[in-house]
Amino acid sequence: MAIYIFDLDGVIYRGKKVIDGAPETLKILRERGHNLFFLTNDTSKTREGYVAFLKRMGVQCVIEEIMTAAYATAIYFERNNILNTSAFVIGGKGLKEELKNVCVEIIENSDCKKKVDYVIVGLDKTFNYKKLVSAQQLILSGANFIATNNDFLSPKENLFLPGAGTLVSAIQSATGCSPIILGKPEIFTLELILNGRKDTGEVILVGDTLQTDILAGNRIGARTVLVLTGVTTFEEAQQANGIFKPNVILKDITKLVSD
């Protein structure tokens, strides 16, 4: 049986609207004995938050099947035995909660004179010039720069909004420093899903972006499936080449189980 790894926004749903037929497709795949995982660069929610969010959309899953860039960031600190550390976090509640779970001290006051060890950046809908200046000054003073992901676009119901990558780029431009990136297209989150698994079935990664989902999947040797319900158009998918080229292009995930 295969291991399916699904991106969320643009694949299972767009914004707060579920993709037609997505819950039924996932149910069929489970009934056929496949293992399902859900992988997102979105750091707005904890893993528990995503279980509840997906349930409201008719998708049943358990916390062990959820991997987020926020949770992966917390695991990064835990695995590297980074203890008693502090971080200025540009990001949402999900990222901050996951970091608190591994005892990272969150510095909320950006004007704090205290030494800060890390600047961690995810999507922050309250991002402003003050936060940009704080991140710049902290990094230039020696803080380590971590980006949960580098997605430039975030698909919503009928439009695309700026993603975390736009914030990361602004800080990068202001400091001349490149961050450690933990989410897709880096393979850290995929390794967290796959490492230690006893089953060796085919790995199939289903996503909507060439530069993150498909690139990450190809990097680990997965069979990559691009769906056209998110960021990428059919023309862009056809023109992709090299490590950005998906193995399969589908209109939406329902085609995974259509005869």
Protein backbone atom coordinates (compact mmCIF):
# COMPACT_ATOMS: atom_id res chain seq x y z
CA MET A 1 0.00 0.00 0.00
CA ALA A 2 1.14 3.54 -0.70
CA ILE A 3 1.96 6.40 1.64
CA TYR A 4 0.10 9.52 0.49
CA ILE A 5 1.32 12.90 1.71
CA PHE A 6 -1.13 15.70 1.00
CA ASP A 7 -0.52 19.41 1.06
CA LEU A 8 -3.57 21.15 2.52
CA ASP A 9 -4.42 24.64 1.23
CA GLY A 10 -4.95 24.41 -2.52
CA VAL A 11 -5.32 20.60 -2.40
CA ILE A 12 -7.86 19.65 0.28
CA TYR A 13 -9.35 23.14 0.61
CA ARG A 14 -8.88 26.74 -0.50
CA GLY A 15 -9.10 29.22 2.33
CA LYS A 16 -12.10 28.00 4.33
CA LYS A 17 -13.83 26.15 1.49
CA VAL A 18 -13.27 22.42 1.01
CA ILE A 19 -12.43 21.21 -2.49
CA ASP A 20 -15.45 19.36 -3.90
CA GLY A 21 -15.04 15.61 -3.42
CA ALA A 22 -11.86 15.84 -1.30
CA PRO A 23 -13.26 14.22 1.89
CA GLU A 24 -14.81 11.37 -0.09
CA THR A 25 -11.55 10.79 -2.00
CA LEU A 26 -9.54 10.57 1.21
CA LYS A 27 -12.06 8.13 2.68
CA ILE A 28 -11.77 5.88 -0.38
CA LEU A 29 -7.97 5.90 -0.19
CA ARG A 30 -8.16 4.84 3.48
CA GLU A 31 -10.62 2.08 2.64
CA ARG A 32 -8.14 0.81 0.07
CA GLY A 33 -5.55 0.48 2.82
CA HIS A 34 -3.31 3.44 2.00
CA ASN A 35 -1.61 5.51 4.71
CA LEU A 36 -2.46 9.22 4.65
CA PHE A 37 -0.52 12.17 6.00
CA PHE A 38 -1.16 15.89 5.78
CA LEU A 39 1.73 18.32 5.41
CA THR A 40 1.44 22.10 5.45
CA ASN A 41 3.78 25.07 5.55
CA ASP A 42 1.00 27.11 7.17
CA THR A 43 1.94 27.88 10.77
CA SER A 44 -1.29 29.53 11.87
CA LYS A 45 -2.54 26.47 13.75
CA THR A 46 -1.12 23.75 15.98
CA ARG A 47 -1.47 20.13 14.90
CA GLU A 48 -4.48 19.82 17.21
CA GLY A 49 -5.95 22.88 15.51
CA TYR A 50 -5.59 21.25 12.09
CA VAL A 51 -7.27 18.05 13.24
CA ALA A 52 -10.27 20.11 14.36
CA PHE A 53 -10.20 22.28 11.22
CA LEU A 54 -10.14 19.28 8.90
CA LYS A 55 -12.90 17.57 10.87
CA ARG A 56 -15.15 20.60 10.27
CA MET A 57 -14.52 20.08 6.55
CA GLY A 58 -15.49 16.44 6.72
CA VAL A 59 -11.95 15.04 6.76
CA GLN A 60 -11.24 12.57 9.57
CA CYS A 61 -7.64 12.31 10.79
CA VAL A 62 -5.55 11.97 13.93
CA ILE A 63 -2.78 14.21 15.21
CA GLU A 64 -0.06 11.70 14.23
CA GLU A 65 -1.06 12.19 10.59
CA ILE A 66 -0.49 15.96 10.72
CA MET A 67 2.87 17.61 10.04
CA THR A 68 3.21 21.38 9.98
CA ALA A 69 6.17 23.70 9.50
CA ALA A 70 5.41 25.07 12.97
CA TYR A 71 5.63 21.63 14.61
CA ALA A 72 8.76 20.85 12.57
CA THR A 73 10.36 24.04 13.89
CA ALA A 74 9.70 22.90 17.44
CA ILE A 75 11.13 19.45 16.63
CA TYR A 76 14.22 21.15 15.16
CA PHE A 77 14.91 22.77 18.53
CA GLU A 78 14.18 19.58 20.43
CA ARG A 79 16.34 17.32 18.23
CA ASN A 80 19.25 19.73 18.28
CA ASN A 81 19.00 19.93 22.06
CA ILE A 82 18.59 23.71 21.93
CA LEU A 83 17.55 24.42 25.51
CA ASN A 84 16.87 27.57 27.51
CA THR A 85 16.67 29.64 24.37
CA SER A 86 14.66 32.69 23.38
CA ALA A 87 13.07 33.72 20.11
CA PHE A 88 11.46 36.78 18.59
CA VAL A 89 8.66 35.20 16.57
CA ILE A 90 7.03 36.74 13.54
CA GLY A 91 4.12 34.36 13.05
CA GLY A 92 0.74 33.23 14.27
CA LYS A 93 -0.58 31.47 17.34
CA GLY A 94 0.16 27.99 16.02
CA LEU A 95 3.87 28.67 15.65
CA LYS A 96 4.16 30.26 19.09
CA GLU A 97 2.24 27.45 20.79
CA GLU A 98 4.38 24.72 19.20
CA LEU A 99 7.55 26.51 20.28
CA LYS A 100 6.28 26.99 23.82
CA ASN A 101 5.68 23.23 23.96
CA VAL A 102 9.46 22.71 23.69
CA CYS A 103 10.19 25.47 26.20
CA VAL A 104 11.33 28.17 23.79
CA GLU A 105 10.87 31.56 25.47
CA ILE A 106 8.78 33.74 23.16
CA ILE A 107 9.82 37.40 23.19
CA GLU A 108 6.64 39.33 22.52
CA ASN A 109 8.02 42.83 23.08
CA SER A 110 10.03 43.67 19.98
CA ASP A 111 11.68 46.59 21.79
CA CYS A 112 13.04 44.29 24.49
CA LYS A 113 16.66 45.02 25.37
CA LYS A 114 17.26 41.41 26.33
CA LYS A 115 19.53 39.33 24.10
CA VAL A 116 17.48 37.14 21.77
CA ASP A 117 18.92 33.91 20.37
CA TYR A 118 16.63 33.39 17.37
CA VAL A 119 14.39 35.26 14.99
CA ILE A 120 11.78 32.82 13.66
CA VAL A 121 9.55 33.85 10.77
CA GLY A 122 6.28 32.39 9.51
CA LEU A 123 3.18 33.99 8.07
CA ASP A 124 2.15 36.92 10.24
CA LYS A 125 -0.93 38.89 9.21
CA THR A 126 0.06 41.69 11.61
CA PHE A 127 3.52 42.12 10.09
CA ASN A 128 4.58 45.76 9.95
CA TYR A 129 7.61 48.01 9.68
CA LYS A 130 8.24 47.88 13.42
CA LYS A 131 8.53 44.09 13.33
CA LEU A 132 10.80 44.31 10.28
CA VAL A 133 13.13 46.71 12.11
CA SER A 134 13.16 44.53 15.22
CA ALA A 135 13.98 41.40 13.21
CA GLN A 136 16.69 43.26 11.32
CA GLN A 137 18.38 44.63 14.42
CA LEU A 138 18.23 41.32 16.29
CA ILE A 139 19.74 39.37 13.39
CA LEU A 140 22.45 41.96 12.85
CA SER A 141 23.20 41.70 16.57
CA GLY A 142 23.79 37.96 16.28
CA ALA A 143 20.39 36.23 16.47
CA ASN A 144 19.99 33.13 14.31
CA PHE A 145 17.50 33.50 11.45
CA ILE A 146 15.00 30.66 10.87
CA ALA A 147 12.16 30.63 8.34
CA THR A 148 9.37 28.11 8.77
CA ASN A 149 8.85 28.28 5.00
CA ASN A 150 9.42 30.44 1.96
CA ASP A 151 6.01 30.30 0.24
CA PHE A 152 5.35 33.52 -1.64
CA LEU A 153 1.65 32.92 -2.28
CA SER A 154 -1.20 31.67 -0.12
CA PRO A 155 -4.30 30.50 -2.06
CA LYS A 156 -7.68 31.64 -0.74
CA GLU A 157 -11.17 31.08 -2.08
CA ASN A 158 -10.98 33.39 -5.08
CA LEU A 159 -7.55 35.00 -4.94
CA PHE A 160 -3.93 34.64 -3.85
CA LEU A 161 -2.50 36.48 -0.85
CA PRO A 162 1.15 37.08 0.08
CA GLY A 163 2.70 34.14 1.92
CA ALA A 164 5.42 33.88 4.55
CA GLY A 165 8.09 34.05 1.85
CA THR A 166 7.33 37.71 1.26
CA LEU A 167 8.11 38.46 4.91
CA VAL A 168 11.22 36.31 4.84
CA SER A 169 12.44 38.14 1.73
CA ALA A 170 11.94 41.52 3.37
CA ILE A 171 14.02 40.49 6.38
CA GLN A 172 16.62 38.89 4.13
CA SER A 173 16.91 42.11 2.14
CA ALA A 174 17.20 44.18 5.33
CA THR A 175 19.95 42.01 6.83
CA GLY A 176 21.82 40.41 3.94
CA CYS A 177 21.40 37.12 5.83
CA SER A 178 19.83 33.91 4.53
CA PRO A 179 17.67 31.86 6.90
CA ILE A 180 17.59 28.19 7.73
CA ILE A 181 14.37 27.04 6.02
CA LEU A 182 12.55 24.11 7.62
CA GLY A 183 9.36 23.73 5.59
CA LYS A 184 8.92 22.65 1.97
CA PRO A 185 10.75 22.66 -0.42
CA GLU A 186 13.36 21.55 2.12
CA ILE A 187 12.88 17.89 3.03
CA PHE A 188 13.03 18.14 6.84
CA THR A 189 9.25 17.84 7.30
CA LEU A 190 9.08 14.91 4.89
CA GLU A 191 11.88 13.14 6.72
CA LEU A 192 9.98 13.60 9.99
CA ILE A 193 6.98 11.87 8.41
CA LEU A 194 8.89 9.01 6.80
CA ASN A 195 11.81 8.26 9.09
CA GLY A 196 11.33 5.25 11.29
CA ARG A 197 8.38 3.88 9.34
CA LYS A 198 8.45 0.12 8.93
CA ASP A 199 6.29 0.04 5.81
CA THR A 200 8.18 0.69 2.61
CA GLY A 201 5.29 1.36 0.24
CA GLU A 202 5.47 3.87 -2.57
CA VAL A 203 5.47 7.49 -1.38
CA ILE A 204 3.09 9.77 -3.29
CA LEU A 205 3.18 13.50 -2.62
CA VAL A 206 0.16 15.52 -3.74
CA GLY A 207 0.51 19.29 -3.93
CA ASP A 208 -0.42 22.42 -5.83
CA THR A 209 2.90 24.25 -6.14
CA LEU A 210 5.90 23.42 -8.29
CA GLN A 211 8.43 25.38 -6.21
CA THR A 212 7.50 23.85 -2.85
CA ASP A 213 5.42 20.64 -3.02
CA ILE A 214 6.74 19.13 -6.24
CA LEU A 215 10.33 20.19 -5.62
CA ALA A 216 10.26 18.68 -2.12
CA GLY A 217 8.66 15.47 -3.33
CA ASN A 218 11.14 15.04 -6.16
CA ARG A 219 14.02 15.68 -3.77
CA ILE A 220 13.06 12.64 -1.68
CA GLY A 221 12.24 10.45 -4.68
CA ALA A 222 8.47 10.42 -4.19
CA ARG A 223 5.96 10.09 -7.00
CA THR A 224 4.74 13.67 -7.36
CA VAL A 225 1.18 14.61 -8.26
CA LEU A 226 0.28 18.21 -9.03
CA VAL A 227 -3.36 19.27 -8.73
CA LEU A 228 -4.72 22.38 -10.42
CA THR A 229 -6.92 23.58 -7.55
CA GLY A 230 -4.28 25.85 -6.03
CA VAL A 231 -1.39 28.01 -7.18
CA THR A 232 -0.20 26.35 -10.40
CA THR A 233 -1.92 26.57 -13.80
CA PHE A 234 -2.01 23.74 -16.34
CA GLU A 235 0.29 25.71 -18.66
CA GLU A 236 2.85 26.26 -15.89
CA ALA A 237 2.71 22.59 -14.94
CA GLN A 238 3.26 21.49 -18.54
CA GLN A 239 6.25 23.82 -18.93
CA ALA A 240 7.93 22.64 -15.71
CA ASN A 241 11.12 20.67 -16.16
CA GLY A 242 13.90 19.04 -14.21
CA ILE A 243 13.36 18.72 -10.48
CA PHE A 244 10.25 20.94 -10.66
CA LYS A 245 8.43 18.59 -13.06
CA PRO A 246 5.57 16.54 -11.54
CA ASN A 247 5.08 12.92 -12.49
CA VAL A 248 1.34 13.45 -12.87
CA ILE A 249 -0.94 16.47 -13.41
CA LEU A 250 -4.56 16.19 -12.23
CA LYS A 251 -7.52 18.56 -12.26
CA ASP A 252 -8.14 17.83 -8.57
CA ILE A 253 -7.56 15.06 -6.04
CA THR A 254 -10.78 13.24 -6.92
CA LYS A 255 -8.93 12.00 -10.01
CA LEU A 256 -6.71 9.92 -7.72
CA VAL A 257 -9.52 7.40 -7.33
CA SER A 258 -11.40 7.80 -10.60
CA ASP A 259 -11.32 4.84 -12.94
